[in-house]
């Protein structure tokens, strides 16, 4: 599978790294980056994990207690689009706005 990072995914990933950096240490940043890298590698190999929304058909996967990754999978083109890294403590109404639901 081809994994594509949308601009929103790239920006929200950077924001999550910044939040981790402000609260924790470099070790936690590296741990988070490794969790994301491991999950992306699974996606690239065709292992698609996570919940599927009945409403939007988007998928979500909890990367860590604090962060959920939202993504879309297109079987016909063998493509996965990473959409958003969401801090689970943020306002859920904003999540709906980001995902246009």
PDB file of N, CA and C in Angstrom:
ATOM      1  N   UNK A   1       0.845  -1.185   0.000  1.00  0.00           N
ATOM      2  CA  UNK A   1       0.000   0.000   0.000  1.00  0.00           C
ATOM      3  C   UNK A   1       0.888   1.246   0.000  1.00  0.00           C
ATOM      4  N   UNK A   2       0.417   2.253  -0.689  1.00  0.00           N
ATOM      5  CA  UNK A   2       1.108   3.536  -0.727  1.00  0.00           C
ATOM      6  C   UNK A   2       0.499   4.439   0.352  1.00  0.00           C
ATOM      7  N   UNK A   3       1.310   4.930   1.266  1.00  0.00           N
ATOM      8  CA  UNK A   3       0.823   5.787   2.352  1.00  0.00           C
ATOM      9  C   UNK A   3       1.178   7.234   2.034  1.00  0.00           C
ATOM     10  N   UNK A   4       0.151   8.080   2.016  1.00  0.00           N
ATOM     11  CA  UNK A   4       0.322   9.499   1.722  1.00  0.00           C
ATOM     12  C   UNK A   4      -0.021  10.311   2.966  1.00  0.00           C
ATOM     13  N   UNK A   5       0.865  11.223   3.314  1.00  0.00           N
ATOM     14  CA  UNK A   5       0.628  12.145   4.424  1.00  0.00           C
ATOM     15  C   UNK A   5      -0.002  13.409   3.852  1.00  0.00           C
ATOM     16  N   UNK A   6      -1.218  13.732   4.267  1.00  0.00           N
ATOM     17  CA  UNK A   6      -1.820  14.992   3.845  1.00  0.00           C
ATOM     18  C   UNK A   6      -1.130  16.137   4.584  1.00  0.00           C
ATOM     19  N   UNK A   7      -1.244  17.363   4.070  1.00  0.00           N
ATOM     20  CA  UNK A   7      -0.670  18.503   4.796  1.00  0.00           C
ATOM     21  C   UNK A   7      -1.205  18.621   6.224  1.00  0.00           C
ATOM     22  N   UNK A   8      -2.482  18.314   6.416  1.00  0.00           N
ATOM     23  CA  UNK A   8      -3.062  18.369   7.764  1.00  0.00           C
ATOM     24  C   UNK A   8      -2.434  17.321   8.666  1.00  0.00           C
ATOM     25  N   UNK A   9      -2.173  16.144   8.126  1.00  0.00           N
ATOM     26  CA  UNK A   9      -1.519  15.096   8.918  1.00  0.00           C
ATOM     27  C   UNK A   9      -0.114  15.528   9.315  1.00  0.00           C
ATOM     28  N   UNK A  10       0.613  16.104   8.376  1.00  0.00           N
ATOM     29  CA  UNK A  10       1.977  16.560   8.678  1.00  0.00           C
ATOM     30  C   UNK A  10       1.972  17.636   9.761  1.00  0.00           C
ATOM     31  N   UNK A  11       1.052  18.593   9.638  1.00  0.00           N
ATOM     32  CA  UNK A  11       0.970  19.681  10.613  1.00  0.00           C
ATOM     33  C   UNK A  11       0.544  19.168  11.988  1.00  0.00           C
ATOM     34  N   UNK A  12      -0.468  18.313  12.027  1.00  0.00           N
ATOM     35  CA  UNK A  12      -0.953  17.812  13.318  1.00  0.00           C
ATOM     36  C   UNK A  12       0.076  16.888  13.977  1.00  0.00           C
ATOM     37  N   UNK A  13       0.849  16.164  13.179  1.00  0.00           N
ATOM     38  CA  UNK A  13       1.938  15.334  13.706  1.00  0.00           C
ATOM     39  C   UNK A  13       2.983  16.230  14.373  1.00  0.00           C
ATOM     40  N   UNK A  14       3.352  17.303  13.703  1.00  0.00           N
ATOM     41  CA  UNK A  14       4.331  18.242  14.265  1.00  0.00           C
ATOM     42  C   UNK A  14       3.809  18.867  15.557  1.00  0.00           C
ATOM     43  N   UNK A  15       2.518  19.169  15.596  1.00  0.00           N
ATOM     44  CA  UNK A  15       1.925  19.745  16.813  1.00  0.00           C
ATOM     45  C   UNK A  15       1.962  18.749  17.966  1.00  0.00           C
ATOM     46  N   UNK A  16       1.707  17.489  17.667  1.00  0.00           N
ATOM     47  CA  UNK A  16       1.770  16.468  18.718  1.00  0.00           C
ATOM     48  C   UNK A  16       3.192  16.332  19.247  1.00  0.00           C
ATOM     49  N   UNK A  17       4.160  16.347  18.348  1.00  0.00           N
ATOM     50  CA  UNK A  17       5.555  16.283  18.789  1.00  0.00           C
ATOM     51  C   UNK A  17       5.894  17.479  19.668  1.00  0.00           C
ATOM     52  N   UNK A  18       5.388  18.645  19.308  1.00  0.00           N
ATOM     53  CA  UNK A  18       5.633  19.850  20.101  1.00  0.00           C
ATOM     54  C   UNK A  18       5.005  19.731  21.491  1.00  0.00           C
ATOM     55  N   UNK A  19       3.779  19.201  21.550  1.00  0.00           N
ATOM     56  CA  UNK A  19       3.118  19.008  22.850  1.00  0.00           C
ATOM     57  C   UNK A  19       3.906  18.039  23.725  1.00  0.00           C
ATOM     58  N   UNK A  20       4.374  16.968  23.122  1.00  0.00           N
ATOM     59  CA  UNK A  20       5.166  15.990  23.879  1.00  0.00           C
ATOM     60  C   UNK A  20       6.449  16.642  24.374  1.00  0.00           C
ATOM     61  N   UNK A  21       7.079  17.415  23.526  1.00  0.00           N
ATOM     62  CA  UNK A  21       8.330  18.082  23.879  1.00  0.00           C
ATOM     63  C   UNK A  21       8.151  19.039  25.056  1.00  0.00           C
ATOM     64  N   UNK A  22       7.027  19.732  25.097  1.00  0.00           N
ATOM     65  CA  UNK A  22       6.780  20.696  26.173  1.00  0.00           C
ATOM     66  C   UNK A  22       6.531  20.012  27.513  1.00  0.00           C
ATOM     67  N   UNK A  23       5.942  18.817  27.453  1.00  0.00           N
ATOM     68  CA  UNK A  23       5.557  18.150  28.700  1.00  0.00           C
ATOM     69  C   UNK A  23       6.542  17.062  29.128  1.00  0.00           C
ATOM     70  N   UNK A  24       7.207  16.439  28.170  1.00  0.00           N
ATOM     71  CA  UNK A  24       8.041  15.290  28.472  1.00  0.00           C
ATOM     72  C   UNK A  24       9.472  15.517  28.007  1.00  0.00           C
ATOM     73  N   UNK A  25      10.114  14.446  27.557  1.00  0.00           N
ATOM     74  CA  UNK A  25      11.527  14.542  27.160  1.00  0.00           C
ATOM     75  C   UNK A  25      11.725  13.992  25.748  1.00  0.00           C
ATOM     76  N   UNK A  26      12.960  14.020  25.316  1.00  0.00           N
ATOM     77  CA  UNK A  26      13.317  13.501  23.997  1.00  0.00           C
ATOM     78  C   UNK A  26      12.981  12.012  23.898  1.00  0.00           C
ATOM     79  N   UNK A  27      13.109  11.286  24.992  1.00  0.00           N
ATOM     80  CA  UNK A  27      12.794   9.852  24.976  1.00  0.00           C
ATOM     81  C   UNK A  27      11.342   9.607  24.586  1.00  0.00           C
ATOM     82  N   UNK A  28      10.432  10.401  25.152  1.00  0.00           N
ATOM     83  CA  UNK A  28       9.013  10.238  24.828  1.00  0.00           C
ATOM     84  C   UNK A  28       8.730  10.641  23.382  1.00  0.00           C
ATOM     85  N   UNK A  29       9.438  11.653  22.900  1.00  0.00           N
ATOM     86  CA  UNK A  29       9.286  12.038  21.494  1.00  0.00           C
ATOM     87  C   UNK A  29       9.707  10.878  20.595  1.00  0.00           C
ATOM     88  N   UNK A  30      10.841  10.284  20.905  1.00  0.00           N
ATOM     89  CA  UNK A  30      11.329   9.154  20.103  1.00  0.00           C
ATOM     90  C   UNK A  30      10.366   7.968  20.177  1.00  0.00           C
ATOM     91  N   UNK A  31       9.827   7.704  21.372  1.00  0.00           N
ATOM     92  CA  UNK A  31       8.855   6.617  21.525  1.00  0.00           C
ATOM     93  C   UNK A  31       7.641   6.851  20.627  1.00  0.00           C
ATOM     94  N   UNK A  32       7.125   8.086  20.640  1.00  0.00           N
ATOM     95  CA  UNK A  32       5.960   8.417  19.820  1.00  0.00           C
ATOM     96  C   UNK A  32       6.294   8.271  18.334  1.00  0.00           C
ATOM     97  N   UNK A  33       7.429   8.792  17.931  1.00  0.00           N
ATOM     98  CA  UNK A  33       7.833   8.686  16.530  1.00  0.00           C
ATOM     99  C   UNK A  33       7.965   7.226  16.103  1.00  0.00           C
ATOM    100  N   UNK A  34       8.486   6.385  16.985  1.00  0.00           N
ATOM    101  CA  UNK A  34       8.611   4.957  16.680  1.00  0.00           C
ATOM    102  C   UNK A  34       7.245   4.290  16.562  1.00  0.00           C
ATOM    103  N   UNK A  35       6.301   4.669  17.435  1.00  0.00           N
ATOM    104  CA  UNK A  35       4.944   4.122  17.343  1.00  0.00           C
ATOM    105  C   UNK A  35       4.311   4.474  16.000  1.00  0.00           C
ATOM    106  N   UNK A  36       4.477   5.721  15.595  1.00  0.00           N
ATOM    107  CA  UNK A  36       3.922   6.160  14.309  1.00  0.00           C
ATOM    108  C   UNK A  36       4.616   5.429  13.162  1.00  0.00           C
ATOM    109  N   UNK A  37       5.931   5.359  13.188  1.00  0.00           N
ATOM    110  CA  UNK A  37       6.676   4.664  12.128  1.00  0.00           C
ATOM    111  C   UNK A  37       6.254   3.202  12.014  1.00  0.00           C
ATOM    112  N   UNK A  38       6.102   2.534  13.157  1.00  0.00           N
ATOM    113  CA  UNK A  38       5.690   1.128  13.154  1.00  0.00           C
ATOM    114  C   UNK A  38       4.306   0.967  12.530  1.00  0.00           C
ATOM    115  N   UNK A  39       3.390   1.873  12.879  1.00  0.00           N
ATOM    116  CA  UNK A  39       2.039   1.776  12.334  1.00  0.00           C
ATOM    117  C   UNK A  39       2.036   2.047  10.828  1.00  0.00           C
ATOM    118  N   UNK A  40       2.784   3.037  10.388  1.00  0.00           N
ATOM    119  CA  UNK A  40       2.858   3.343   8.954  1.00  0.00           C
ATOM    120  C   UNK A  40       3.447   2.154   8.191  1.00  0.00           C
ATOM    121  N   UNK A  41       4.432   1.497   8.749  1.00  0.00           N
ATOM    122  CA  UNK A  41       5.011   0.314   8.102  1.00  0.00           C
ATOM    123  C   UNK A  41       3.978  -0.799   7.973  1.00  0.00           C
ATOM    124  N   UNK A  42       3.140  -0.970   9.002  1.00  0.00           N
ATOM    125  CA  UNK A  42       2.065  -1.966   8.917  1.00  0.00           C
ATOM    126  C   UNK A  42       1.112  -1.611   7.783  1.00  0.00           C
ATOM    127  N   UNK A  43       0.746  -0.328   7.710  1.00  0.00           N
ATOM    128  CA  UNK A  43      -0.150   0.102   6.640  1.00  0.00           C
ATOM    129  C   UNK A  43       0.471  -0.160   5.270  1.00  0.00           C
ATOM    130  N   UNK A  44       1.740   0.154   5.128  1.00  0.00           N
ATOM    131  CA  UNK A  44       2.435  -0.057   3.851  1.00  0.00           C
ATOM    132  C   UNK A  44       2.461  -1.532   3.462  1.00  0.00           C
ATOM    133  N   UNK A  45       2.512  -2.404   4.453  1.00  0.00           N
ATOM    134  CA  UNK A  45       2.542  -3.842   4.168  1.00  0.00           C
ATOM    135  C   UNK A  45       1.139  -4.419   3.953  1.00  0.00           C
ATOM    136  N   UNK A  46       0.116  -3.570   4.076  1.00  0.00           N
ATOM    137  CA  UNK A  46      -1.247  -4.024   3.827  1.00  0.00           C
ATOM    138  C   UNK A  46      -2.016  -4.409   5.069  1.00  0.00           C
ATOM    139  N   UNK A  47      -1.412  -4.280   6.235  1.00  0.00           N
ATOM    140  CA  UNK A  47      -2.105  -4.577   7.491  1.00  0.00           C
ATOM    141  C   UNK A  47      -2.827  -3.308   7.929  1.00  0.00           C
ATOM    142  N   UNK A  48      -4.153  -3.324   7.788  1.00  0.00           N
ATOM    143  CA  UNK A  48      -4.942  -2.141   8.121  1.00  0.00           C
ATOM    144  C   UNK A  48      -5.696  -2.419   9.410  1.00  0.00           C
ATOM    145  N   UNK A  49      -5.278  -1.733  10.465  1.00  0.00           N
ATOM    146  CA  UNK A  49      -5.893  -1.892  11.776  1.00  0.00           C
ATOM    147  C   UNK A  49      -6.710  -0.656  12.112  1.00  0.00           C
ATOM    148  N   UNK A  50      -7.507  -0.778  13.167  1.00  0.00           N
ATOM    149  CA  UNK A  50      -8.258   0.365  13.661  1.00  0.00           C
ATOM    150  C   UNK A  50      -9.749   0.219  13.437  1.00  0.00           C
ATOM    151  N   UNK A  51     -10.467   1.183  13.994  1.00  0.00           N
ATOM    152  CA  UNK A  51     -11.920   1.196  13.880  1.00  0.00           C
ATOM    153  C   UNK A  51     -12.339   1.912  12.604  1.00  0.00           C
ATOM    154  N   UNK A  52     -13.464   1.471  12.044  1.00  0.00           N
ATOM    155  CA  UNK A  52     -14.041   2.131  10.875  1.00  0.00           C
ATOM    156  C   UNK A  52     -15.307   2.843  11.323  1.00  0.00           C
ATOM    157  N   UNK A  53     -15.415   4.120  11.003  1.00  0.00           N
ATOM    158  CA  UNK A  53     -16.602   4.896  11.350  1.00  0.00           C
ATOM    159  C   UNK A  53     -17.764   4.493  10.447  1.00  0.00           C
ATOM    160  N   UNK A  54     -18.900   4.179  11.052  1.00  0.00           N
ATOM    161  CA  UNK A  54     -20.102   3.846  10.283  1.00  0.00           C
ATOM    162  C   UNK A  54     -20.585   5.056   9.491  1.00  0.00           C
ATOM    163  N   UNK A  55     -20.361   6.234  10.073  1.00  0.00           N
ATOM    164  CA  UNK A  55     -20.874   7.474   9.487  1.00  0.00           C
ATOM    165  C   UNK A  55     -20.043   7.953   8.295  1.00  0.00           C
ATOM    166  N   UNK A  56     -18.727   7.897   8.420  1.00  0.00           N
ATOM    167  CA  UNK A  56     -17.855   8.492   7.400  1.00  0.00           C
ATOM    168  C   UNK A  56     -17.021   7.475   6.632  1.00  0.00           C
ATOM    169  N   UNK A  57     -16.944   6.270   7.134  1.00  0.00           N
ATOM    170  CA  UNK A  57     -16.087   5.224   6.574  1.00  0.00           C
ATOM    171  C   UNK A  57     -14.601   5.512   6.776  1.00  0.00           C
ATOM    172  N   UNK A  58     -14.279   6.571   7.545  1.00  0.00           N
ATOM    173  CA  UNK A  58     -12.889   6.850   7.885  1.00  0.00           C
ATOM    174  C   UNK A  58     -12.436   5.868   8.954  1.00  0.00           C
ATOM    175  N   UNK A  59     -11.150   5.667   9.022  1.00  0.00           N
ATOM    176  CA  UNK A  59     -10.579   4.758  10.010  1.00  0.00           C
ATOM    177  C   UNK A  59      -9.826   5.550  11.065  1.00  0.00           C
ATOM    178  N   UNK A  60      -9.747   4.966  12.250  1.00  0.00           N
ATOM    179  CA  UNK A  60      -8.972   5.590  13.328  1.00  0.00           C
ATOM    180  C   UNK A  60      -8.190   4.512  14.052  1.00  0.00           C
ATOM    181  N   UNK A  61      -7.019   4.908  14.529  1.00  0.00           N
ATOM    182  CA  UNK A  61      -6.164   3.996  15.271  1.00  0.00           C
ATOM    183  C   UNK A  61      -5.528   4.770  16.412  1.00  0.00           C
ATOM    184  N   UNK A  62      -5.620   4.221  17.623  1.00  0.00           N
ATOM    185  CA  UNK A  62      -5.030   4.871  18.792  1.00  0.00           C
ATOM    186  C   UNK A  62      -3.530   4.584  18.785  1.00  0.00           C
ATOM    187  N   UNK A  63      -2.754   5.633  18.515  1.00  0.00           N
ATOM    188  CA  UNK A  63      -1.297   5.517  18.483  1.00  0.00           C
ATOM    189  C   UNK A  63      -0.752   5.424  19.903  1.00  0.00           C
ATOM    190  N   UNK A  64      -1.302   6.266  20.780  1.00  0.00           N
ATOM    191  CA  UNK A  64      -0.938   6.276  22.200  1.00  0.00           C
ATOM    192  C   UNK A  64      -2.177   6.711  22.974  1.00  0.00           C
ATOM    193  N   UNK A  65      -2.112   6.673  24.302  1.00  0.00           N
ATOM    194  CA  UNK A  65      -3.259   7.108  25.106  1.00  0.00           C
ATOM    195  C   UNK A  65      -3.712   8.506  24.715  1.00  0.00           C
ATOM    196  N   UNK A  66      -2.770   9.327  24.335  1.00  0.00           N
ATOM    197  CA  UNK A  66      -3.063  10.727  24.068  1.00  0.00           C
ATOM    198  C   UNK A  66      -3.423  11.019  22.615  1.00  0.00           C
ATOM    199  N   UNK A  67      -3.078  10.141  21.695  1.00  0.00           N
ATOM    200  CA  UNK A  67      -3.167  10.487  20.271  1.00  0.00           C
ATOM    201  C   UNK A  67      -3.839   9.396  19.443  1.00  0.00           C
ATOM    202  N   UNK A  68      -4.772   9.834  18.605  1.00  0.00           N
ATOM    203  CA  UNK A  68      -5.432   8.955  17.646  1.00  0.00           C
ATOM    204  C   UNK A  68      -5.124   9.450  16.243  1.00  0.00           C
ATOM    205  N   UNK A  69      -4.812   8.519  15.359  1.00  0.00           N
ATOM    206  CA  UNK A  69      -4.573   8.842  13.957  1.00  0.00           C
ATOM    207  C   UNK A  69      -5.833   8.514  13.163  1.00  0.00           C
ATOM    208  N   UNK A  70      -6.287   9.475  12.364  1.00  0.00           N
ATOM    209  CA  UNK A  70      -7.414   9.267  11.462  1.00  0.00           C
ATOM    210  C   UNK A  70      -6.866   9.142  10.050  1.00  0.00           C
ATOM    211  N   UNK A  71      -7.403   8.157   9.313  1.00  0.00           N
ATOM    212  CA  UNK A  71      -6.910   7.914   7.962  1.00  0.00           C
ATOM    213  C   UNK A  71      -7.997   7.309   7.099  1.00  0.00           C
ATOM    214  N   UNK A  72      -7.762   7.312   5.809  1.00  0.00           N
ATOM    215  CA  UNK A  72      -8.701   6.749   4.849  1.00  0.00           C
ATOM    216  C   UNK A  72      -7.954   5.730   4.003  1.00  0.00           C
ATOM    217  N   UNK A  73      -8.615   4.634   3.697  1.00  0.00           N
ATOM    218  CA  UNK A  73      -8.002   3.570   2.895  1.00  0.00           C
ATOM    219  C   UNK A  73      -8.785   3.407   1.597  1.00  0.00           C
ATOM    220  N   UNK A  74      -8.065   3.364   0.502  1.00  0.00           N
ATOM    221  CA  UNK A  74      -8.664   3.197  -0.819  1.00  0.00           C
ATOM    222  C   UNK A  74      -8.137   1.895  -1.418  1.00  0.00           C
ATOM    223  N   UNK A  75      -8.951   0.858  -1.319  1.00  0.00           N
ATOM    224  CA  UNK A  75      -8.531  -0.467  -1.785  1.00  0.00           C
ATOM    225  C   UNK A  75      -8.258  -0.479  -3.285  1.00  0.00           C
ATOM    226  N   UNK A  76      -9.081   0.248  -4.058  1.00  0.00           N
ATOM    227  CA  UNK A  76      -8.944   0.205  -5.513  1.00  0.00           C
ATOM    228  C   UNK A  76      -7.602   0.754  -5.997  1.00  0.00           C
ATOM    229  N   UNK A  77      -7.065   1.750  -5.300  1.00  0.00           N
ATOM    230  CA  UNK A  77      -5.775   2.333  -5.703  1.00  0.00           C
ATOM    231  C   UNK A  77      -4.629   1.899  -4.792  1.00  0.00           C
ATOM    232  N   UNK A  78      -4.953   1.041  -3.811  1.00  0.00           N
ATOM    233  CA  UNK A  78      -3.937   0.576  -2.861  1.00  0.00           C
ATOM    234  C   UNK A  78      -3.241   1.760  -2.185  1.00  0.00           C
ATOM    235  N   UNK A  79      -4.059   2.753  -1.797  1.00  0.00           N
ATOM    236  CA  UNK A  79      -3.538   3.975  -1.198  1.00  0.00           C
ATOM    237  C   UNK A  79      -4.183   4.225   0.152  1.00  0.00           C
ATOM    238  N   UNK A  80      -3.380   4.715   1.072  1.00  0.00           N
ATOM    239  CA  UNK A  80      -3.876   5.136   2.380  1.00  0.00           C
ATOM    240  C   UNK A  80      -3.480   6.585   2.575  1.00  0.00           C
ATOM    241  N   UNK A  81      -4.450   7.410   2.953  1.00  0.00           N
ATOM    242  CA  UNK A  81      -4.182   8.816   3.237  1.00  0.00           C
ATOM    243  C   UNK A  81      -4.243   9.036   4.739  1.00  0.00           C
ATOM    244  N   UNK A  82      -3.139   9.482   5.310  1.00  0.00           N
ATOM    245  CA  UNK A  82      -3.136   9.881   6.710  1.00  0.00           C
ATOM    246  C   UNK A  82      -3.754  11.270   6.760  1.00  0.00           C
ATOM    247  N   UNK A  83      -4.800  11.426   7.576  1.00  0.00           N
ATOM    248  CA  UNK A  83      -5.561  12.671   7.587  1.00  0.00           C
ATOM    249  C   UNK A  83      -5.230  13.580   8.750  1.00  0.00           C
ATOM    250  N   UNK A  84      -5.135  12.995   9.956  1.00  0.00           N
ATOM    251  CA  UNK A  84      -5.030  13.845  11.138  1.00  0.00           C
ATOM    252  C   UNK A  84      -4.528  13.052  12.337  1.00  0.00           C
ATOM    253  N   UNK A  85      -3.585  13.634  13.061  1.00  0.00           N
ATOM    254  CA  UNK A  85      -3.191  13.126  14.372  1.00  0.00           C
ATOM    255  C   UNK A  85      -3.950  13.977  15.380  1.00  0.00           C
ATOM    256  N   UNK A  86      -4.777  13.330  16.184  1.00  0.00           N
ATOM    257  CA  UNK A  86      -5.663  14.054  17.091  1.00  0.00           C
ATOM    258  C   UNK A  86      -5.285  13.798  18.544  1.00  0.00           C
ATOM    259  N   UNK A  87      -5.086  14.879  19.297  1.00  0.00           N
ATOM    260  CA  UNK A  87      -4.840  14.751  20.731  1.00  0.00           C
ATOM    261  C   UNK A  87      -6.181  14.463  21.392  1.00  0.00           C
ATOM    262  N   UNK A  88      -6.291  13.335  22.057  1.00  0.00           N
ATOM    263  CA  UNK A  88      -7.563  12.882  22.607  1.00  0.00           C
ATOM    264  C   UNK A  88      -8.110  13.777  23.713  1.00  0.00           C
ATOM    265  N   UNK A  89      -7.303  14.705  24.203  1.00  0.00           N
ATOM    266  CA  UNK A  89      -7.773  15.636  25.227  1.00  0.00           C
ATOM    267  C   UNK A  89      -8.371  16.905  24.621  1.00  0.00           C
ATOM    268  N   UNK A  90      -8.233  17.070  23.314  1.00  0.00           N
ATOM    269  CA  UNK A  90      -8.768  18.260  22.654  1.00  0.00           C
ATOM    270  C   UNK A  90     -10.286  18.159  22.501  1.00  0.00           C
ATOM    271  N   UNK A  91     -10.903  19.277  22.172  1.00  0.00           N
ATOM    272  CA  UNK A  91     -12.355  19.386  22.046  1.00  0.00           C
ATOM    273  C   UNK A  91     -12.862  18.518  20.886  1.00  0.00           C
ATOM    274  N   UNK A  92     -13.765  17.559  21.170  1.00  0.00           N
ATOM    275  CA  UNK A  92     -14.266  16.672  20.112  1.00  0.00           C
ATOM    276  C   UNK A  92     -15.029  17.418  19.014  1.00  0.00           C
ATOM    277  N   UNK A  93     -15.608  18.566  19.343  1.00  0.00           N
ATOM    278  CA  UNK A  93     -16.311  19.344  18.314  1.00  0.00           C
ATOM    279  C   UNK A  93     -15.334  19.807  17.233  1.00  0.00           C
ATOM    280  N   UNK A  94     -14.119  20.139  17.650  1.00  0.00           N
ATOM    281  CA  UNK A  94     -13.102  20.553  16.681  1.00  0.00           C
ATOM    282  C   UNK A  94     -12.694  19.385  15.785  1.00  0.00           C
ATOM    283  N   UNK A  95     -12.702  18.189  16.345  1.00  0.00           N
ATOM    284  CA  UNK A  95     -12.378  17.004  15.547  1.00  0.00           C
ATOM    285  C   UNK A  95     -13.384  16.857  14.412  1.00  0.00           C
ATOM    286  N   UNK A  96     -14.661  17.033  14.720  1.00  0.00           N
ATOM    287  CA  UNK A  96     -15.698  16.931  13.688  1.00  0.00           C
ATOM    288  C   UNK A  96     -15.478  17.966  12.590  1.00  0.00           C
ATOM    289  N   UNK A  97     -15.043  19.159  12.981  1.00  0.00           N
ATOM    290  CA  UNK A  97     -14.768  20.200  11.986  1.00  0.00           C
ATOM    291  C   UNK A  97     -13.584  19.807  11.101  1.00  0.00           C
ATOM    292  N   UNK A  98     -12.530  19.292  11.714  1.00  0.00           N
ATOM    293  CA  UNK A  98     -11.353  18.882  10.942  1.00  0.00           C
ATOM    294  C   UNK A  98     -11.693  17.785   9.943  1.00  0.00           C
ATOM    295  N   UNK A  99     -12.541  16.867  10.369  1.00  0.00           N
ATOM    296  CA  UNK A  99     -12.871  15.720   9.523  1.00  0.00           C
ATOM    297  C   UNK A  99     -14.102  15.964   8.657  1.00  0.00           C
ATOM    298  N   UNK A 100     -14.681  17.165   8.767  1.00  0.00           N
ATOM    299  CA  UNK A 100     -15.872  17.536   7.985  1.00  0.00           C
ATOM    300  C   UNK A 100     -17.027  16.565   8.190  1.00  0.00           C
ATOM    301  N   UNK A 101     -17.305  16.253   9.465  1.00  0.00           N
ATOM    302  CA  UNK A 101     -18.439  15.357   9.746  1.00  0.00           C
ATOM    303  C   UNK A 101     -19.442  16.047  10.648  1.00  0.00           C
TER     304      UNK A 101
END
